[in-house]
Amino acid sequence: RERRVIEGDMRDQAMDIVESLFDED
């Protein structure tokens, strides 16, 4: 359960970084 929480926070943070690498289109 703790792993899921850590993973969820990291996933959201990582996705924010990834989305900043290229424009939406």
mmCIF file of all heavy atoms, coordinates in Angstrom:
data_MODEL
# 
_entry.id   MODEL 
# 
loop_
_atom_site.group_PDB 
_atom_site.id 
_atom_site.type_symbol 
_atom_site.label_atom_id 
_atom_site.label_alt_id 
_atom_site.label_comp_id 
_atom_site.label_asym_id 
_atom_site.label_entity_id 
_atom_site.label_seq_id 
_atom_site.pdbx_PDB_ins_code 
_atom_site.Cartn_x 
_atom_site.Cartn_y 
_atom_site.Cartn_z 
_atom_site.occupancy 
_atom_site.B_iso_or_equiv 
_atom_site.pdbx_formal_charge 
_atom_site.auth_seq_id 
_atom_site.auth_comp_id 
_atom_site.auth_asym_id 
_atom_site.auth_atom_id 
_atom_site.pdbx_PDB_model_num 
ATOM 1   N N   . ARG A 1 1  ? 0.845  -1.208 0.000   1.00 0.00 ? 1  ARG A N   1 
ATOM 2   C CA  . ARG A 1 1  ? 0.000  0.000  0.000   1.00 0.00 ? 1  ARG A CA  1 
ATOM 3   C C   . ARG A 1 1  ? 0.874  1.250  0.000   1.00 0.00 ? 1  ARG A C   1 
ATOM 4   O O   . ARG A 1 1  ? 0.582  2.230  -0.709  1.00 0.00 ? 1  ARG A O   1 
ATOM 5   C CB  . ARG A 1 1  ? -0.937 -0.001 1.206   1.00 0.00 ? 1  ARG A CB  1 
ATOM 6   C CG  . ARG A 1 1  ? -2.003 -1.086 1.160   1.00 0.00 ? 1  ARG A CG  1 
ATOM 7   C CD  . ARG A 1 1  ? -2.823 -1.119 2.445   1.00 0.00 ? 1  ARG A CD  1 
ATOM 8   N NE  . ARG A 1 1  ? -3.670 -2.279 2.493   1.00 0.00 ? 1  ARG A NE  1 
ATOM 9   C CZ  . ARG A 1 1  ? -4.885 -2.360 1.939   1.00 0.00 ? 1  ARG A CZ  1 
ATOM 10  N NH1 . ARG A 1 1  ? -5.356 -1.315 1.286   1.00 0.00 ? 1  ARG A NH1 1 
ATOM 11  N NH2 . ARG A 1 1  ? -5.591 -3.468 2.038   1.00 0.00 ? 1  ARG A NH2 1 
ATOM 12  N N   . GLU A 1 2  ? 1.934  1.223  0.792   1.00 0.00 ? 2  GLU A N   1 
ATOM 13  C CA  . GLU A 1 2  ? 2.869  2.351  0.814   1.00 0.00 ? 2  GLU A CA  1 
ATOM 14  C C   . GLU A 1 2  ? 3.528  2.518  -0.557  1.00 0.00 ? 2  GLU A C   1 
ATOM 15  O O   . GLU A 1 2  ? 3.712  3.638  -1.049  1.00 0.00 ? 2  GLU A O   1 
ATOM 16  C CB  . GLU A 1 2  ? 3.934  2.111  1.890   1.00 0.00 ? 2  GLU A CB  1 
ATOM 17  C CG  . GLU A 1 2  ? 4.951  3.232  2.017   1.00 0.00 ? 2  GLU A CG  1 
ATOM 18  C CD  . GLU A 1 2  ? 6.082  2.896  2.976   1.00 0.00 ? 2  GLU A CD  1 
ATOM 19  O OE1 . GLU A 1 2  ? 6.031  1.817  3.629   1.00 0.00 ? 2  GLU A OE1 1 
ATOM 20  O OE2 . GLU A 1 2  ? 7.027  3.696  3.064   1.00 0.00 ? 2  GLU A OE2 1 
ATOM 21  N N   . ARG A 1 3  ? 3.900  1.393  -1.173  1.00 0.00 ? 3  ARG A N   1 
ATOM 22  C CA  . ARG A 1 3  ? 4.504  1.440  -2.510  1.00 0.00 ? 3  ARG A CA  1 
ATOM 23  C C   . ARG A 1 3  ? 3.577  2.101  -3.508  1.00 0.00 ? 3  ARG A C   1 
ATOM 24  O O   . ARG A 1 3  ? 3.985  2.899  -4.351  1.00 0.00 ? 3  ARG A O   1 
ATOM 25  C CB  . ARG A 1 3  ? 4.846  0.002  -2.948  1.00 0.00 ? 3  ARG A CB  1 
ATOM 26  C CG  . ARG A 1 3  ? 5.619  -0.101 -4.256  1.00 0.00 ? 3  ARG A CG  1 
ATOM 27  C CD  . ARG A 1 3  ? 4.729  -0.207 -5.480  1.00 0.00 ? 3  ARG A CD  1 
ATOM 28  N NE  . ARG A 1 3  ? 3.800  -1.313 -5.411  1.00 0.00 ? 3  ARG A NE  1 
ATOM 29  C CZ  . ARG A 1 3  ? 2.803  -1.469 -6.270  1.00 0.00 ? 3  ARG A CZ  1 
ATOM 30  N NH1 . ARG A 1 3  ? 2.586  -0.591 -7.237  1.00 0.00 ? 3  ARG A NH1 1 
ATOM 31  N NH2 . ARG A 1 3  ? 1.977  -2.499 -6.153  1.00 0.00 ? 3  ARG A NH2 1 
ATOM 32  N N   . ARG A 1 4  ? 2.273  1.794  -3.417  1.00 0.00 ? 4  ARG A N   1 
ATOM 33  C CA  . ARG A 1 4  ? 1.313  2.382  -4.348  1.00 0.00 ? 4  ARG A CA  1 
ATOM 34  C C   . ARG A 1 4  ? 1.256  3.894  -4.206  1.00 0.00 ? 4  ARG A C   1 
ATOM 35  O O   . ARG A 1 4  ? 1.167  4.622  -5.201  1.00 0.00 ? 4  ARG A O   1 
ATOM 36  C CB  . ARG A 1 4  ? -0.079 1.793  -4.098  1.00 0.00 ? 4  ARG A CB  1 
ATOM 37  C CG  . ARG A 1 4  ? -0.259 0.372  -4.598  1.00 0.00 ? 4  ARG A CG  1 
ATOM 38  C CD  . ARG A 1 4  ? -1.656 -0.094 -4.262  1.00 0.00 ? 4  ARG A CD  1 
ATOM 39  N NE  . ARG A 1 4  ? -1.881 -1.482 -4.592  1.00 0.00 ? 4  ARG A NE  1 
ATOM 40  C CZ  . ARG A 1 4  ? -2.886 -2.200 -4.112  1.00 0.00 ? 4  ARG A CZ  1 
ATOM 41  N NH1 . ARG A 1 4  ? -3.733 -1.660 -3.252  1.00 0.00 ? 4  ARG A NH1 1 
ATOM 42  N NH2 . ARG A 1 4  ? -3.047 -3.464 -4.465  1.00 0.00 ? 4  ARG A NH2 1 
ATOM 43  N N   . VAL A 1 5  ? 1.295  4.366  -2.974  1.00 0.00 ? 5  VAL A N   1 
ATOM 44  C CA  . VAL A 1 5  ? 1.253  5.819  -2.738  1.00 0.00 ? 5  VAL A CA  1 
ATOM 45  C C   . VAL A 1 5  ? 2.497  6.488  -3.325  1.00 0.00 ? 5  VAL A C   1 
ATOM 46  O O   . VAL A 1 5  ? 2.406  7.500  -4.033  1.00 0.00 ? 5  VAL A O   1 
ATOM 47  C CB  . VAL A 1 5  ? 1.136  6.125  -1.225  1.00 0.00 ? 5  VAL A CB  1 
ATOM 48  C CG1 . VAL A 1 5  ? 1.279  7.618  -0.974  1.00 0.00 ? 5  VAL A CG1 1 
ATOM 49  C CG2 . VAL A 1 5  ? -0.191 5.612  -0.683  1.00 0.00 ? 5  VAL A CG2 1 
ATOM 50  N N   . ILE A 1 6  ? 3.661  5.917  -3.012  1.00 0.00 ? 6  ILE A N   1 
ATOM 51  C CA  . ILE A 1 6  ? 4.917  6.475  -3.527  1.00 0.00 ? 6  ILE A CA  1 
ATOM 52  C C   . ILE A 1 6  ? 4.925  6.435  -5.047  1.00 0.00 ? 6  ILE A C   1 
ATOM 53  O O   . ILE A 1 6  ? 5.292  7.412  -5.717  1.00 0.00 ? 6  ILE A O   1 
ATOM 54  C CB  . ILE A 1 6  ? 6.126  5.698  -2.963  1.00 0.00 ? 6  ILE A CB  1 
ATOM 55  C CG1 . ILE A 1 6  ? 6.238  5.918  -1.454  1.00 0.00 ? 6  ILE A CG1 1 
ATOM 56  C CG2 . ILE A 1 6  ? 7.417  6.112  -3.659  1.00 0.00 ? 6  ILE A CG2 1 
ATOM 57  C CD1 . ILE A 1 6  ? 7.279  5.038  -0.781  1.00 0.00 ? 6  ILE A CD1 1 
ATOM 58  N N   . GLU A 1 7  ? 4.500  5.302  -5.590  1.00 0.00 ? 7  GLU A N   1 
ATOM 59  C CA  . GLU A 1 7  ? 4.467  5.164  -7.044  1.00 0.00 ? 7  GLU A CA  1 
ATOM 60  C C   . GLU A 1 7  ? 3.526  6.178  -7.682  1.00 0.00 ? 7  GLU A C   1 
ATOM 61  O O   . GLU A 1 7  ? 3.852  6.802  -8.703  1.00 0.00 ? 7  GLU A O   1 
ATOM 62  C CB  . GLU A 1 7  ? 4.030  3.750  -7.426  1.00 0.00 ? 7  GLU A CB  1 
ATOM 63  C CG  . GLU A 1 7  ? 3.925  3.523  -8.921  1.00 0.00 ? 7  GLU A CG  1 
ATOM 64  C CD  . GLU A 1 7  ? 2.990  2.387  -9.283  1.00 0.00 ? 7  GLU A CD  1 
ATOM 65  O OE1 . GLU A 1 7  ? 2.862  1.442  -8.495  1.00 0.00 ? 7  GLU A OE1 1 
ATOM 66  O OE2 . GLU A 1 7  ? 2.390  2.465  -10.368 1.00 0.00 ? 7  GLU A OE2 1 
ATOM 67  N N   . GLY A 1 8  ? 2.349  6.353  -7.086  1.00 0.00 ? 8  GLY A N   1 
ATOM 68  C CA  . GLY A 1 8  ? 1.378  7.303  -7.636  1.00 0.00 ? 8  GLY A CA  1 
ATOM 69  C C   . GLY A 1 8  ? 1.923  8.718  -7.677  1.00 0.00 ? 8  GLY A C   1 
ATOM 70  O O   . GLY A 1 8  ? 1.799  9.426  -8.688  1.00 0.00 ? 8  GLY A O   1 
ATOM 71  N N   . ASP A 1 9  ? 2.549  9.143  -6.575  1.00 0.00 ? 9  ASP A N   1 
ATOM 72  C CA  . ASP A 1 9  ? 3.130  10.494 -6.527  1.00 0.00 ? 9  ASP A CA  1 
ATOM 73  C C   . ASP A 1 9  ? 4.261  10.630 -7.546  1.00 0.00 ? 9  ASP A C   1 
ATOM 74  O O   . ASP A 1 9  ? 4.365  11.639 -8.252  1.00 0.00 ? 9  ASP A O   1 
ATOM 75  C CB  . ASP A 1 9  ? 3.654  10.798 -5.121  1.00 0.00 ? 9  ASP A CB  1 
ATOM 76  C CG  . ASP A 1 9  ? 2.535  10.919 -4.094  1.00 0.00 ? 9  ASP A CG  1 
ATOM 77  O OD1 . ASP A 1 9  ? 1.370  11.094 -4.511  1.00 0.00 ? 9  ASP A OD1 1 
ATOM 78  O OD2 . ASP A 1 9  ? 2.827  10.822 -2.886  1.00 0.00 ? 9  ASP A OD2 1 
ATOM 79  N N   . MET A 1 10 ? 5.121  9.610  -7.608  1.00 0.00 ? 10 MET A N   1 
ATOM 80  C CA  . MET A 1 10 ? 6.232  9.650  -8.558  1.00 0.00 ? 10 MET A CA  1 
ATOM 81  C C   . MET A 1 10 ? 5.745  9.631  -9.993  1.00 0.00 ? 10 MET A C   1 
ATOM 82  O O   . MET A 1 10 ? 6.284  10.330 -10.858 1.00 0.00 ? 10 MET A O   1 
ATOM 83  C CB  . MET A 1 10 ? 7.168  8.455  -8.317  1.00 0.00 ? 10 MET A CB  1 
ATOM 84  C CG  . MET A 1 10 ? 8.392  8.781  -7.493  1.00 0.00 ? 10 MET A CG  1 
ATOM 85  S SD  . MET A 1 10 ? 9.466  7.331  -7.280  1.00 0.00 ? 10 MET A SD  1 
ATOM 86  C CE  . MET A 1 10 ? 10.075 7.097  -8.945  1.00 0.00 ? 10 MET A CE  1 
ATOM 87  N N   . ARG A 1 11 ? 4.715  8.839  -10.254 1.00 0.00 ? 11 ARG A N   1 
ATOM 88  C CA  . ARG A 1 11 ? 4.183  8.750  -11.613 1.00 0.00 ? 11 ARG A CA  1 
ATOM 89  C C   . ARG A 1 11 ? 3.647  10.104 -12.074 1.00 0.00 ? 11 ARG A C   1 
ATOM 90  O O   . ARG A 1 11 ? 3.932  10.557 -13.188 1.00 0.00 ? 11 ARG A O   1 
ATOM 91  C CB  . ARG A 1 11 ? 3.088  7.689  -11.678 1.00 0.00 ? 11 ARG A CB  1 
ATOM 92  C CG  . ARG A 1 11 ? 2.540  7.479  -13.084 1.00 0.00 ? 11 ARG A CG  1 
ATOM 93  C CD  . ARG A 1 11 ? 1.423  6.450  -13.099 1.00 0.00 ? 11 ARG A CD  1 
ATOM 94  N NE  . ARG A 1 11 ? 0.283  6.882  -12.304 1.00 0.00 ? 11 ARG A NE  1 
ATOM 95  C CZ  . ARG A 1 11 ? -0.143 6.248  -11.208 1.00 0.00 ? 11 ARG A CZ  1 
ATOM 96  N NH1 . ARG A 1 11 ? 0.479  5.171  -10.786 1.00 0.00 ? 11 ARG A NH1 1 
ATOM 97  N NH2 . ARG A 1 11 ? -1.190 6.698  -10.553 1.00 0.00 ? 11 ARG A NH2 1 
ATOM 98  N N   . ASP A 1 12 ? 2.881  10.767 -11.198 1.00 0.00 ? 12 ASP A N   1 
ATOM 99  C CA  . ASP A 1 12 ? 2.340  12.083 -11.556 1.00 0.00 ? 12 ASP A CA  1 
ATOM 100 C C   . ASP A 1 12 ? 3.460  13.084 -11.809 1.00 0.00 ? 12 ASP A C   1 
ATOM 101 O O   . ASP A 1 12 ? 3.417  13.860 -12.771 1.00 0.00 ? 12 ASP A O   1 
ATOM 102 C CB  . ASP A 1 12 ? 1.424  12.593 -10.432 1.00 0.00 ? 12 ASP A CB  1 
ATOM 103 C CG  . ASP A 1 12 ? 0.161  11.762 -10.282 1.00 0.00 ? 12 ASP A CG  1 
ATOM 104 O OD1 . ASP A 1 12 ? -0.154 10.996 -11.222 1.00 0.00 ? 12 ASP A OD1 1 
ATOM 105 O OD2 . ASP A 1 12 ? -0.490 11.856 -9.225  1.00 0.00 ? 12 ASP A OD2 1 
ATOM 106 N N   . GLN A 1 13 ? 4.474  13.052 -10.944 1.00 0.00 ? 13 GLN A N   1 
ATOM 107 C CA  . GLN A 1 13 ? 5.604  13.952 -11.084 1.00 0.00 ? 13 GLN A CA  1 
ATOM 108 C C   . GLN A 1 13 ? 6.378  13.661 -12.370 1.00 0.00 ? 13 GLN A C   1 
ATOM 109 O O   . GLN A 1 13 ? 6.771  14.574 -13.113 1.00 0.00 ? 13 GLN A O   1 
ATOM 110 C CB  . GLN A 1 13 ? 6.524  13.802 -9.866  1.00 0.00 ? 13 GLN A CB  1 
ATOM 111 C CG  . GLN A 1 13 ? 7.527  14.926 -9.677  1.00 0.00 ? 13 GLN A CG  1 
ATOM 112 C CD  . GLN A 1 13 ? 8.283  14.749 -8.363  1.00 0.00 ? 13 GLN A CD  1 
ATOM 113 O OE1 . GLN A 1 13 ? 7.908  13.940 -7.512  1.00 0.00 ? 13 GLN A OE1 1 
ATOM 114 N NE2 . GLN A 1 13 ? 9.354  15.518 -8.205  1.00 0.00 ? 13 GLN A NE2 1 
ATOM 115 N N   . ALA A 1 14 ? 6.592  12.375 -12.648 1.00 0.00 ? 14 ALA A N   1 
ATOM 116 C CA  . ALA A 1 14 ? 7.329  11.989 -13.849 1.00 0.00 ? 14 ALA A CA  1 
ATOM 117 C C   . ALA A 1 14 ? 6.562  12.375 -15.114 1.00 0.00 ? 14 ALA A C   1 
ATOM 118 O O   . ALA A 1 14 ? 7.151  12.837 -16.100 1.00 0.00 ? 14 ALA A O   1 
ATOM 119 C CB  . ALA A 1 14 ? 7.592  10.485 -13.827 1.00 0.00 ? 14 ALA A CB  1 
ATOM 120 N N   . MET A 1 15 ? 5.243  12.192 -15.092 1.00 0.00 ? 15 MET A N   1 
ATOM 121 C CA  . MET A 1 15 ? 4.438  12.555 -16.255 1.00 0.00 ? 15 MET A CA  1 
ATOM 122 C C   . MET A 1 15 ? 4.498  14.057 -16.519 1.00 0.00 ? 15 MET A C   1 
ATOM 123 O O   . MET A 1 15 ? 4.528  14.500 -17.675 1.00 0.00 ? 15 MET A O   1 
ATOM 124 C CB  . MET A 1 15 ? 2.988  12.111 -16.062 1.00 0.00 ? 15 MET A CB  1 
ATOM 125 C CG  . MET A 1 15 ? 2.773  10.606 -16.128 1.00 0.00 ? 15 MET A CG  1 
ATOM 126 S SD  . MET A 1 15 ? 3.252  9.900  -17.732 1.00 0.00 ? 15 MET A SD  1 
ATOM 127 C CE  . MET A 1 15 ? 2.835  8.172  -17.444 1.00 0.00 ? 15 MET A CE  1 
ATOM 128 N N   . ASP A 1 16 ? 4.530  14.853 -15.452 1.00 0.00 ? 16 ASP A N   1 
ATOM 129 C CA  . ASP A 1 16 ? 4.660  16.310 -15.620 1.00 0.00 ? 16 ASP A CA  1 
ATOM 130 C C   . ASP A 1 16 ? 5.980  16.642 -16.313 1.00 0.00 ? 16 ASP A C   1 
ATOM 131 O O   . ASP A 1 16 ? 6.032  17.501 -17.201 1.00 0.00 ? 16 ASP A O   1 
ATOM 132 C CB  . ASP A 1 16 ? 4.593  17.016 -14.262 1.00 0.00 ? 16 ASP A CB  1 
ATOM 133 C CG  . ASP A 1 16 ? 3.188  17.006 -13.672 1.00 0.00 ? 16 ASP A CG  1 
ATOM 134 O OD1 . ASP A 1 16 ? 2.236  16.782 -14.426 1.00 0.00 ? 16 ASP A OD1 1 
ATOM 135 O OD2 . ASP A 1 16 ? 3.062  17.226 -12.443 1.00 0.00 ? 16 ASP A OD2 1 
ATOM 136 N N   . ILE A 1 17 ? 7.043  15.951 -15.894 1.00 0.00 ? 17 ILE A N   1 
ATOM 137 C CA  . ILE A 1 17 ? 8.360  16.177 -16.516 1.00 0.00 ? 17 ILE A CA  1 
ATOM 138 C C   . ILE A 1 17 ? 8.317  15.757 -17.982 1.00 0.00 ? 17 ILE A C   1 
ATOM 139 O O   . ILE A 1 17 ? 8.796  16.478 -18.869 1.00 0.00 ? 17 ILE A O   1 
ATOM 140 C CB  . ILE A 1 17 ? 9.459  15.411 -15.763 1.00 0.00 ? 17 ILE A CB  1 
ATOM 141 C CG1 . ILE A 1 17 ? 9.598  15.933 -14.325 1.00 0.00 ? 17 ILE A CG1 1 
ATOM 142 C CG2 . ILE A 1 17 ? 10.794 15.525 -16.499 1.00 0.00 ? 17 ILE A CG2 1 
ATOM 143 C CD1 . ILE A 1 17 ? 10.532 15.097 -13.453 1.00 0.00 ? 17 ILE A CD1 1 
ATOM 144 N N   . VAL A 1 18 ? 7.732  14.602 -18.247 1.00 0.00 ? 18 VAL A N   1 
ATOM 145 C CA  . VAL A 1 18 ? 7.666  14.078 -19.614 1.00 0.00 ? 18 VAL A CA  1 
ATOM 146 C C   . VAL A 1 18 ? 6.885  15.028 -20.518 1.00 0.00 ? 18 VAL A C   1 
ATOM 147 O O   . VAL A 1 18 ? 7.304  15.333 -21.645 1.00 0.00 ? 18 VAL A O   1 
ATOM 148 C CB  . VAL A 1 18 ? 7.023  12.677 -19.629 1.00 0.00 ? 18 VAL A CB  1 
ATOM 149 C CG1 . VAL A 1 18 ? 6.682  12.257 -21.049 1.00 0.00 ? 18 VAL A CG1 1 
ATOM 150 C CG2 . VAL A 1 18 ? 7.950  11.662 -18.995 1.00 0.00 ? 18 VAL A CG2 1 
ATOM 151 N N   . GLU A 1 19 ? 5.742  15.508 -20.033 1.00 0.00 ? 19 GLU A N   1 
ATOM 152 C CA  . GLU A 1 19 ? 4.902  16.383 -20.852 1.00 0.00 ? 19 GLU A CA  1 
ATOM 153 C C   . GLU A 1 19 ? 5.576  17.712 -21.152 1.00 0.00 ? 19 GLU A C   1 
ATOM 154 O O   . GLU A 1 19 ? 5.221  18.396 -22.124 1.00 0.00 ? 19 GLU A O   1 
ATOM 155 C CB  . GLU A 1 19 ? 3.555  16.594 -20.163 1.00 0.00 ? 19 GLU A CB  1 
ATOM 156 C CG  . GLU A 1 19 ? 2.671  15.341 -20.200 1.00 0.00 ? 19 GLU A CG  1 
ATOM 157 C CD  . GLU A 1 19 ? 1.455  15.444 -19.300 1.00 0.00 ? 19 GLU A CD  1 
ATOM 158 O OE1 . GLU A 1 19 ? 1.262  16.522 -18.691 1.00 0.00 ? 19 GLU A OE1 1 
ATOM 159 O OE2 . GLU A 1 19 ? 0.716  14.447 -19.203 1.00 0.00 ? 19 GLU A OE2 1 
ATOM 160 N N   . SER A 1 20 ? 6.560  18.090 -20.329 1.00 0.00 ? 20 SER A N   1 
ATOM 161 C CA  . SER A 1 20 ? 7.282  19.339 -20.581 1.00 0.00 ? 20 SER A CA  1 
ATOM 162 C C   . SER A 1 20 ? 8.341  19.168 -21.676 1.00 0.00 ? 20 SER A C   1 
ATOM 163 O O   . SER A 1 20 ? 8.921  20.149 -22.142 1.00 0.00 ? 20 SER A O   1 
ATOM 164 C CB  . SER A 1 20 ? 7.958  19.824 -19.297 1.00 0.00 ? 20 SER A CB  1 
ATOM 165 O OG  . SER A 1 20 ? 9.051  18.987 -18.948 1.00 0.00 ? 20 SER A OG  1 
ATOM 166 N N   . LEU A 1 21 ? 8.588  17.921 -22.085 1.00 0.00 ? 21 LEU A N   1 
ATOM 167 C CA  . LEU A 1 21 ? 9.633  17.654 -23.076 1.00 0.00 ? 21 LEU A CA  1 
ATOM 168 C C   . LEU A 1 21 ? 9.181  17.908 -24.505 1.00 0.00 ? 21 LEU A C   1 
ATOM 169 O O   . LEU A 1 21 ? 10.006 18.031 -25.404 1.00 0.00 ? 21 LEU A O   1 
ATOM 170 C CB  . LEU A 1 21 ? 10.110 16.193 -22.957 1.00 0.00 ? 21 LEU A CB  1 
ATOM 171 C CG  . LEU A 1 21 ? 10.706 15.770 -21.610 1.00 0.00 ? 21 LEU A CG  1 
ATOM 172 C CD1 . LEU A 1 21 ? 11.050 14.281 -21.631 1.00 0.00 ? 21 LEU A CD1 1 
ATOM 173 C CD2 . LEU A 1 21 ? 11.956 16.583 -21.292 1.00 0.00 ? 21 LEU A CD2 1 
ATOM 174 N N   . PHE A 1 22 ? 7.867  17.962 -24.735 1.00 0.00 ? 22 PHE A N   1 
ATOM 175 C CA  . PHE A 1 22 ? 7.371  18.168 -26.097 1.00 0.00 ? 22 PHE A CA  1 
ATOM 176 C C   . PHE A 1 22 ? 5.996  18.834 -26.042 1.00 0.00 ? 22 PHE A C   1 
ATOM 177 O O   . PHE A 1 22 ? 5.276  18.733 -25.040 1.00 0.00 ? 22 PHE A O   1 
ATOM 178 C CB  . PHE A 1 22 ? 7.295  16.851 -26.872 1.00 0.00 ? 22 PHE A CB  1 
ATOM 179 C CG  . PHE A 1 22 ? 6.407  15.811 -26.243 1.00 0.00 ? 22 PHE A CG  1 
ATOM 180 C CD1 . PHE A 1 22 ? 5.103  15.622 -26.673 1.00 0.00 ? 22 PHE A CD1 1 
ATOM 181 C CD2 . PHE A 1 22 ? 6.873  15.006 -25.203 1.00 0.00 ? 22 PHE A CD2 1 
ATOM 182 C CE1 . PHE A 1 22 ? 4.283  14.676 -26.101 1.00 0.00 ? 22 PHE A CE1 1 
ATOM 183 C CE2 . PHE A 1 22 ? 6.061  14.051 -24.608 1.00 0.00 ? 22 PHE A CE2 1 
ATOM 184 C CZ  . PHE A 1 22 ? 4.762  13.885 -25.065 1.00 0.00 ? 22 PHE A CZ  1 
ATOM 185 N N   . ASP A 1 23 ? 5.638  19.543 -27.112 1.00 0.00 ? 23 ASP A N   1 
ATOM 186 C CA  . ASP A 1 23 ? 4.349  20.211 -27.188 1.00 0.00 ? 23 ASP A CA  1 
ATOM 187 C C   . ASP A 1 23 ? 3.231  19.192 -27.350 1.00 0.00 ? 23 ASP A C   1 
ATOM 188 O O   . ASP A 1 23 ? 3.435  18.087 -27.871 1.00 0.00 ? 23 ASP A O   1 
ATOM 189 C CB  . ASP A 1 23 ? 4.322  21.198 -28.362 1.00 0.00 ? 23 ASP A CB  1 
ATOM 190 C CG  . ASP A 1 23 ? 5.288  22.353 -28.160 1.00 0.00 ? 23 ASP A CG  1 
ATOM 191 O OD1 . ASP A 1 23 ? 5.558  22.685 -26.984 1.00 0.00 ? 23 ASP A OD1 1 
ATOM 192 O OD2 . ASP A 1 23 ? 5.787  22.901 -29.161 1.00 0.00 ? 23 ASP A OD2 1 
ATOM 193 N N   . GLU A 1 24 ? 2.046  19.579 -26.922 1.00 0.00 ? 24 GLU A N   1 
ATOM 194 C CA  . GLU A 1 24 ? 0.913  18.651 -26.900 1.00 0.00 ? 24 GLU A CA  1 
ATOM 195 C C   . GLU A 1 24 ? 0.597  18.078 -28.271 1.00 0.00 ? 24 GLU A C   1 
ATOM 196 O O   . GLU A 1 24 ? 0.213  16.921 -28.402 1.00 0.00 ? 24 GLU A O   1 
ATOM 197 C CB  . GLU A 1 24 ? -0.320 19.383 -26.348 1.00 0.00 ? 24 GLU A CB  1 
ATOM 198 C CG  . GLU A 1 24 ? -1.521 18.475 -26.127 1.00 0.00 ? 24 GLU A CG  1 
ATOM 199 C CD  . GLU A 1 24 ? -2.680 19.217 -25.485 1.00 0.00 ? 24 GLU A CD  1 
ATOM 200 O OE1 . GLU A 1 24 ? -2.479 20.350 -25.012 1.00 0.00 ? 24 GLU A OE1 1 
ATOM 201 O OE2 . GLU A 1 24 ? -3.784 18.637 -25.463 1.00 0.00 ? 24 GLU A OE2 1 
ATOM 202 N N   . ASP A 1 25 ? 0.776  18.873 -29.321 1.00 0.00 ? 25 ASP A N   1 
ATOM 203 C CA  . ASP A 1 25 ? 0.440  18.418 -30.674 1.00 0.00 ? 25 ASP A CA  1 
ATOM 204 C C   . ASP A 1 25 ? 1.589  17.687 -31.356 1.00 0.00 ? 25 ASP A C   1 
ATOM 205 O O   . ASP A 1 25 ? 1.434  17.196 -32.477 1.00 0.00 ? 25 ASP A O   1 
ATOM 206 C CB  . ASP A 1 25 ? 0.022  19.616 -31.537 1.00 0.00 ? 25 ASP A CB  1 
ATOM 207 C CG  . ASP A 1 25 ? -1.254 20.276 -31.010 1.00 0.00 ? 25 ASP A CG  1 
ATOM 208 O OD1 . ASP A 1 25 ? -2.086 19.557 -30.420 1.00 0.00 ? 25 ASP A OD1 1 
ATOM 209 O OD2 . ASP A 1 25 ? -1.400 21.498 -31.186 1.00 0.00 ? 25 ASP A OD2 1 
# 
